[in-house]
């Protein structure tokens, strides 16, 4: 794919996808940050959604949408735009091997994670407010007011809370989502399905199938880092990575690494599909129009 299209097109495509899947993202974060006492039954995805709607109405599922859009226009814009630039450069220099593309995806993901960390903090806090005790809620009205409050209360250093875990998660996400999408797309495009005797072409069907497979792969790879990131960012001070891991292992066991996997996949699957479909269409539109 050529990179003769705006650097920001990836952020726009991701923002369009986020508008469609935000309620699922909200549910995922609430499941990950909701503390369950040892021996208690873990709430299901349906019960978390039902409780949210009964407590605060359907609009509560769109809590933090402004932070989600801010995140996509920083994190996704940088990771997708940088990856495409790197891929184009490698292609022109004849060095676009699988390992080189994977390394590019990892580097672009890390840069995106750093760029989007402040918005990620605000997003986690706004979406998890409903399941927090009233005295520990942040009550951010929107992403910008949340950013101002974060700096006032925790200083500039507060913007880097969970940065290490978030960056690591972003590296995993870009490699497993964007990297695998390219891999699945190239593999399907170059091979005929033996059972159905079907040959994929570079069209919407190929984009749908490749992005769905990439979404499932990315969900599994990123789940442990995603859970830890959510718990670190939900806290305003005190517990660090070691404390979070120790408490989680003691109270929940190894399964906590995949807590919220179902809503993560239900959210990331459609989000991945929509993001890449929108992204491919935006690129096609730009190349055909300019």
Protein backbone atom coordinates (compact mmCIF):
# COMPACT_ATOMS: atom_id res chain seq x y z
CA UNK A 1 0.00 0.00 0.00
CA UNK A 2 1.26 3.42 -0.85
CA UNK A 3 1.68 6.11 1.79
CA UNK A 4 0.56 8.91 -0.56
CA UNK A 5 -2.23 9.92 1.78
CA UNK A 6 -2.43 12.16 4.90
CA UNK A 7 -0.55 11.08 8.01
CA UNK A 8 -3.67 11.77 10.07
CA UNK A 9 -5.95 9.43 8.10
CA UNK A 10 -5.26 6.55 10.51
CA UNK A 11 -6.39 8.66 13.45
CA UNK A 12 -9.58 9.65 11.64
CA UNK A 13 -10.35 6.02 10.73
CA UNK A 14 -9.72 4.89 14.33
CA UNK A 15 -11.94 7.71 15.66
CA UNK A 16 -14.78 6.65 13.36
CA UNK A 17 -14.44 3.06 14.58
CA UNK A 18 -14.29 4.19 18.24
CA UNK A 19 -17.61 6.02 17.92
CA UNK A 20 -19.24 2.71 16.97
CA UNK A 21 -17.58 0.47 19.57
CA UNK A 22 -17.17 2.79 22.58
CA UNK A 23 -19.83 1.08 24.78
CA UNK A 24 -17.85 -2.16 24.51
CA UNK A 25 -14.65 -0.36 25.50
CA UNK A 26 -16.44 1.09 28.53
CA UNK A 27 -17.64 -2.37 29.57
CA UNK A 28 -14.15 -3.83 29.16
CA UNK A 29 -12.50 -1.22 31.39
CA UNK A 30 -15.22 -1.56 34.05
CA UNK A 31 -14.74 -5.32 34.17
CA UNK A 32 -10.97 -4.93 34.43
CA UNK A 33 -11.03 -2.32 37.21
CA UNK A 34 -13.96 -3.69 39.25
CA UNK A 35 -12.51 -5.28 42.39
CA UNK A 36 -14.00 -8.67 43.26
CA UNK A 37 -13.58 -10.07 46.76
CA UNK A 38 -11.86 -13.47 47.00
CA UNK A 39 -14.41 -16.25 46.58
CA UNK A 40 -17.00 -13.96 45.03
CA UNK A 41 -18.45 -14.69 41.60
CA UNK A 42 -17.01 -12.53 38.84
CA UNK A 43 -19.63 -10.43 37.04
CA UNK A 44 -20.38 -11.34 33.44
CA UNK A 45 -20.20 -8.94 30.52
CA UNK A 46 -24.02 -8.80 30.34
CA UNK A 47 -24.37 -8.09 34.07
CA UNK A 48 -21.85 -5.21 33.92
CA UNK A 49 -23.74 -3.65 30.99
CA UNK A 50 -27.09 -4.17 32.73
CA UNK A 51 -25.85 -2.64 36.00
CA UNK A 52 -24.43 0.37 34.17
CA UNK A 53 -27.68 1.03 32.31
CA UNK A 54 -29.86 0.55 35.41
CA UNK A 55 -27.65 2.83 37.51
CA UNK A 56 -27.08 5.69 35.11
CA UNK A 57 -29.00 5.01 31.92
CA UNK A 58 -27.88 4.10 28.42
CA UNK A 59 -25.77 7.26 28.14
CA UNK A 60 -23.40 5.85 30.77
CA UNK A 61 -22.13 3.42 28.12
CA UNK A 62 -20.78 6.44 26.23
CA UNK A 63 -18.96 7.89 29.23
CA UNK A 64 -15.52 9.08 28.20
CA UNK A 65 -16.24 9.30 24.46
CA UNK A 66 -14.37 12.62 24.23
CA UNK A 67 -11.33 10.96 25.84
CA UNK A 68 -11.62 8.05 23.41
CA UNK A 69 -11.53 10.44 20.45
CA UNK A 70 -8.58 12.31 21.96
CA UNK A 71 -6.81 8.97 22.37
CA UNK A 72 -7.41 7.92 18.77
CA UNK A 73 -6.19 11.26 17.44
CA UNK A 74 -2.93 10.84 19.36
CA UNK A 75 -2.23 7.14 19.88
CA UNK A 76 -3.75 5.68 16.71
CA UNK A 77 -2.77 8.63 14.53
CA UNK A 78 0.90 8.21 15.47
CA UNK A 79 1.07 4.41 15.42
CA UNK A 80 -0.72 3.96 12.09
CA UNK A 81 0.81 6.96 10.35
CA UNK A 82 4.35 6.16 11.48
CA UNK A 83 4.00 2.49 10.50
CA UNK A 84 2.83 3.36 6.99
CA UNK A 85 5.72 5.80 6.53
CA UNK A 86 8.21 3.20 7.71
CA UNK A 87 6.66 0.50 5.52
CA UNK A 88 6.78 2.77 2.48
CA UNK A 89 10.44 3.56 3.12
CA UNK A 90 11.31 -0.13 3.51
CA UNK A 91 9.41 -0.98 0.33
CA UNK A 92 11.26 1.68 -1.68
CA UNK A 93 14.62 0.50 -0.38
CA UNK A 94 13.79 -3.17 -1.06
CA UNK A 95 14.07 -4.19 2.60
CA UNK A 96 10.42 -4.95 3.39
CA UNK A 97 10.99 -8.37 4.97
CA UNK A 98 8.58 -9.78 7.56
CA UNK A 99 11.03 -9.13 10.40
CA UNK A 100 11.63 -5.52 9.24
CA UNK A 101 7.89 -4.85 9.05
CA UNK A 102 7.35 -6.40 12.49
CA UNK A 103 10.10 -4.23 13.97
CA UNK A 104 8.54 -1.16 12.32
CA UNK A 105 5.14 -2.05 13.80
CA UNK A 106 6.69 -2.41 17.26
CA UNK A 107 8.52 0.93 17.03
CA UNK A 108 5.46 2.76 15.69
CA UNK A 109 3.33 1.23 18.44
CA UNK A 110 5.74 2.40 21.12
CA UNK A 111 5.69 5.96 19.77
CA UNK A 112 1.89 5.84 19.67
CA UNK A 113 1.74 4.60 23.25
CA UNK A 114 3.87 7.51 24.45
CA UNK A 115 1.84 10.06 22.47
CA UNK A 116 -1.51 8.72 23.67
CA UNK A 117 -0.68 8.06 27.34
CA UNK A 118 -2.33 11.19 28.81
CA UNK A 119 -5.55 10.57 26.87
CA UNK A 120 -5.44 6.91 27.92
CA UNK A 121 -5.36 7.90 31.60
CA UNK A 122 -8.36 10.18 31.19
CA UNK A 123 -10.23 7.51 29.21
CA UNK A 124 -9.70 4.80 31.83
CA UNK A 125 -10.77 7.11 34.65
CA UNK A 126 -13.88 8.40 32.88
CA UNK A 127 -15.06 4.95 31.85
CA UNK A 128 -14.40 3.31 35.24
CA UNK A 129 -15.96 6.08 37.39
CA UNK A 130 -19.33 4.33 37.62
CA UNK A 131 -17.92 1.22 39.33
CA UNK A 132 -15.72 3.15 41.77
CA UNK A 133 -16.80 4.16 45.31
CA UNK A 134 -18.43 7.65 45.23
CA UNK A 135 -15.62 9.19 47.28
CA UNK A 136 -13.00 7.94 44.80
CA UNK A 137 -14.63 9.11 41.58
CA UNK A 138 -12.97 11.72 39.37
CA UNK A 139 -16.08 13.34 37.88
CA UNK A 140 -14.33 14.57 34.73
CA UNK A 141 -16.95 16.26 32.52
CA UNK A 142 -14.89 15.81 29.35
CA UNK A 143 -11.40 14.90 28.20
CA UNK A 144 -10.00 18.44 28.27
CA UNK A 145 -11.26 19.23 31.78
CA UNK A 146 -9.92 15.86 32.87
CA UNK A 147 -6.51 16.70 31.45
CA UNK A 148 -6.47 20.03 33.29
CA UNK A 149 -7.56 18.36 36.57
CA UNK A 150 -4.92 15.65 36.18
CA UNK A 151 -2.12 18.21 35.78
CA UNK A 152 -3.41 20.35 38.66
CA UNK A 153 -3.74 17.45 41.09
CA UNK A 154 -0.80 15.24 40.09
CA UNK A 155 1.50 17.56 38.18
CA UNK A 156 3.18 16.93 34.86
CA UNK A 157 4.42 13.58 36.20
CA UNK A 158 0.81 12.47 36.42
CA UNK A 159 0.67 12.40 32.62
CA UNK A 160 3.18 9.54 32.61
CA UNK A 161 1.27 7.29 35.01
CA UNK A 162 1.36 3.73 33.68
CA UNK A 163 3.54 4.86 30.77
CA UNK A 164 5.81 1.81 30.81
CA UNK A 165 2.95 -0.69 30.79
CA UNK A 166 0.96 1.36 28.31
CA UNK A 167 3.88 1.64 25.91
CA UNK A 168 4.57 -2.09 26.18
CA UNK A 169 0.90 -2.77 25.51
CA UNK A 170 0.96 -0.39 22.53
CA UNK A 171 3.98 -2.23 21.09
CA UNK A 172 2.12 -5.55 21.46
CA UNK A 173 -1.06 -4.06 19.99
CA UNK A 174 0.54 -2.59 16.91
CA UNK A 175 2.61 -5.69 16.21
CA UNK A 176 -0.31 -8.08 16.78
CA UNK A 177 -3.04 -5.95 15.18
CA UNK A 178 -1.45 -3.92 12.39
CA UNK A 179 1.38 -6.38 11.76
CA UNK A 180 -0.92 -9.41 11.70
CA UNK A 181 -3.45 -7.58 9.49
CA UNK A 182 -0.74 -7.04 6.88
CA UNK A 183 0.36 -10.67 7.27
CA UNK A 184 -3.14 -12.14 6.95
CA UNK A 185 -3.99 -9.82 4.07
CA UNK A 186 -0.83 -10.69 2.13
CA UNK A 187 -1.19 -14.42 2.84
CA UNK A 188 -4.85 -14.59 1.81
CA UNK A 189 -4.24 -12.44 -1.26
CA UNK A 190 -1.46 -14.69 -2.51
CA UNK A 191 -3.10 -18.08 -1.94
CA UNK A 192 -6.20 -19.88 -3.17
CA UNK A 193 -8.39 -21.57 -0.54
CA UNK A 194 -8.15 -25.29 -1.44
CA UNK A 195 -11.51 -26.36 0.03
CA UNK A 196 -13.66 -23.62 -1.50
CA UNK A 197 -11.44 -23.12 -4.55
CA UNK A 198 -11.68 -19.39 -3.84
CA UNK A 199 -9.17 -16.68 -4.62
CA UNK A 200 -9.24 -13.47 -2.57
CA UNK A 201 -8.89 -10.11 -4.27
CA UNK A 202 -7.90 -6.79 -2.74
CA UNK A 203 -11.43 -5.71 -1.91
CA UNK A 204 -13.82 -5.26 1.02
CA UNK A 205 -14.15 -9.01 1.68
CA UNK A 206 -10.39 -9.39 2.03
CA UNK A 207 -10.27 -6.41 4.40
CA UNK A 208 -13.11 -7.84 6.53
CA UNK A 209 -11.62 -11.32 6.87
CA UNK A 210 -8.06 -10.10 7.51
CA UNK A 211 -9.13 -7.54 10.10
CA UNK A 212 -11.36 -10.05 11.94
CA UNK A 213 -8.46 -12.51 12.24
CA UNK A 214 -6.15 -9.68 13.34
CA UNK A 215 -8.66 -8.60 16.01
CA UNK A 216 -8.80 -12.06 17.61
CA UNK A 217 -5.02 -12.42 17.54
CA UNK A 218 -4.44 -8.95 19.01
CA UNK A 219 -6.97 -9.45 21.82
CA UNK A 220 -5.22 -12.57 23.10
CA UNK A 221 -1.70 -11.14 22.85
CA UNK A 222 -2.55 -7.82 24.51
CA UNK A 223 -4.91 -8.97 27.27
CA UNK A 224 -2.38 -9.26 30.15
CA UNK A 225 -0.81 -5.83 29.52
CA UNK A 226 -4.27 -4.32 28.95
CA UNK A 227 -5.58 -5.48 32.35
CA UNK A 228 -2.51 -4.24 34.23
CA UNK A 229 -2.57 -0.91 32.37
CA UNK A 230 -6.23 -0.32 33.27
CA UNK A 231 -5.63 -1.00 36.97
CA UNK A 232 -2.54 1.20 37.17
CA UNK A 233 -4.24 4.10 35.40
CA UNK A 234 -7.44 3.83 37.43
CA UNK A 235 -5.48 4.55 40.62
CA UNK A 236 -4.54 8.16 41.35
CA UNK A 237 -1.58 7.34 43.58
CA UNK A 238 0.03 4.69 45.69
CA UNK A 239 -0.07 1.19 44.18
CA UNK A 240 2.61 0.47 41.64
CA UNK A 241 3.09 -2.43 39.27
CA UNK A 242 4.45 -4.83 41.93
CA UNK A 243 1.56 -4.10 44.32
CA UNK A 244 -1.07 -4.51 41.59
CA UNK A 245 0.40 -7.82 40.43
CA UNK A 246 0.80 -9.20 43.97
CA UNK A 247 -2.76 -8.34 44.96
CA UNK A 248 -4.22 -9.65 41.71
CA UNK A 249 -2.39 -12.98 41.95
CA UNK A 250 -3.41 -13.36 45.60
CA UNK A 251 -7.09 -12.54 45.11
CA UNK A 252 -7.77 -13.76 41.56
CA UNK A 253 -5.00 -16.07 40.40
CA UNK A 254 -3.44 -16.26 36.95
CA UNK A 255 -6.86 -15.84 35.30
CA UNK A 256 -6.80 -12.13 36.05
CA UNK A 257 -4.48 -11.67 33.04
CA UNK A 258 -7.44 -12.45 30.78
CA UNK A 259 -10.13 -10.70 32.80
CA UNK A 260 -12.48 -8.94 30.42
CA UNK A 261 -11.23 -10.97 27.41
CA UNK A 262 -14.76 -11.43 26.06
CA UNK A 263 -15.68 -7.72 26.01
CA UNK A 264 -12.13 -6.98 24.83
CA UNK A 265 -12.62 -9.22 21.81
CA UNK A 266 -16.23 -8.16 21.27
CA UNK A 267 -14.93 -4.60 21.26
CA UNK A 268 -11.56 -5.07 19.53
CA UNK A 269 -12.91 -7.42 16.84
CA UNK A 270 -15.48 -4.96 15.42
CA UNK A 271 -13.16 -2.04 16.19
CA UNK A 272 -10.34 -3.64 14.20
CA UNK A 273 -12.67 -4.47 11.32
CA UNK A 274 -14.18 -0.98 11.22
CA UNK A 275 -10.84 0.77 11.65
CA UNK A 276 -9.15 -1.05 8.78
CA UNK A 277 -12.21 -0.85 6.52
CA UNK A 278 -12.49 2.90 7.15
CA UNK A 279 -8.72 3.25 6.77
CA UNK A 280 -8.63 1.41 3.43
CA UNK A 281 -11.58 3.43 2.13
CA UNK A 282 -10.02 6.72 3.21
CA UNK A 283 -6.78 5.81 1.46
CA UNK A 284 -8.60 4.72 -1.69
CA UNK A 285 -10.63 7.94 -1.67
CA UNK A 286 -7.52 10.07 -1.19
CA UNK A 287 -5.56 8.30 -3.95
CA UNK A 288 -8.46 8.51 -6.40
CA UNK A 289 -9.27 12.14 -5.62
CA UNK A 290 -5.81 13.67 -5.34
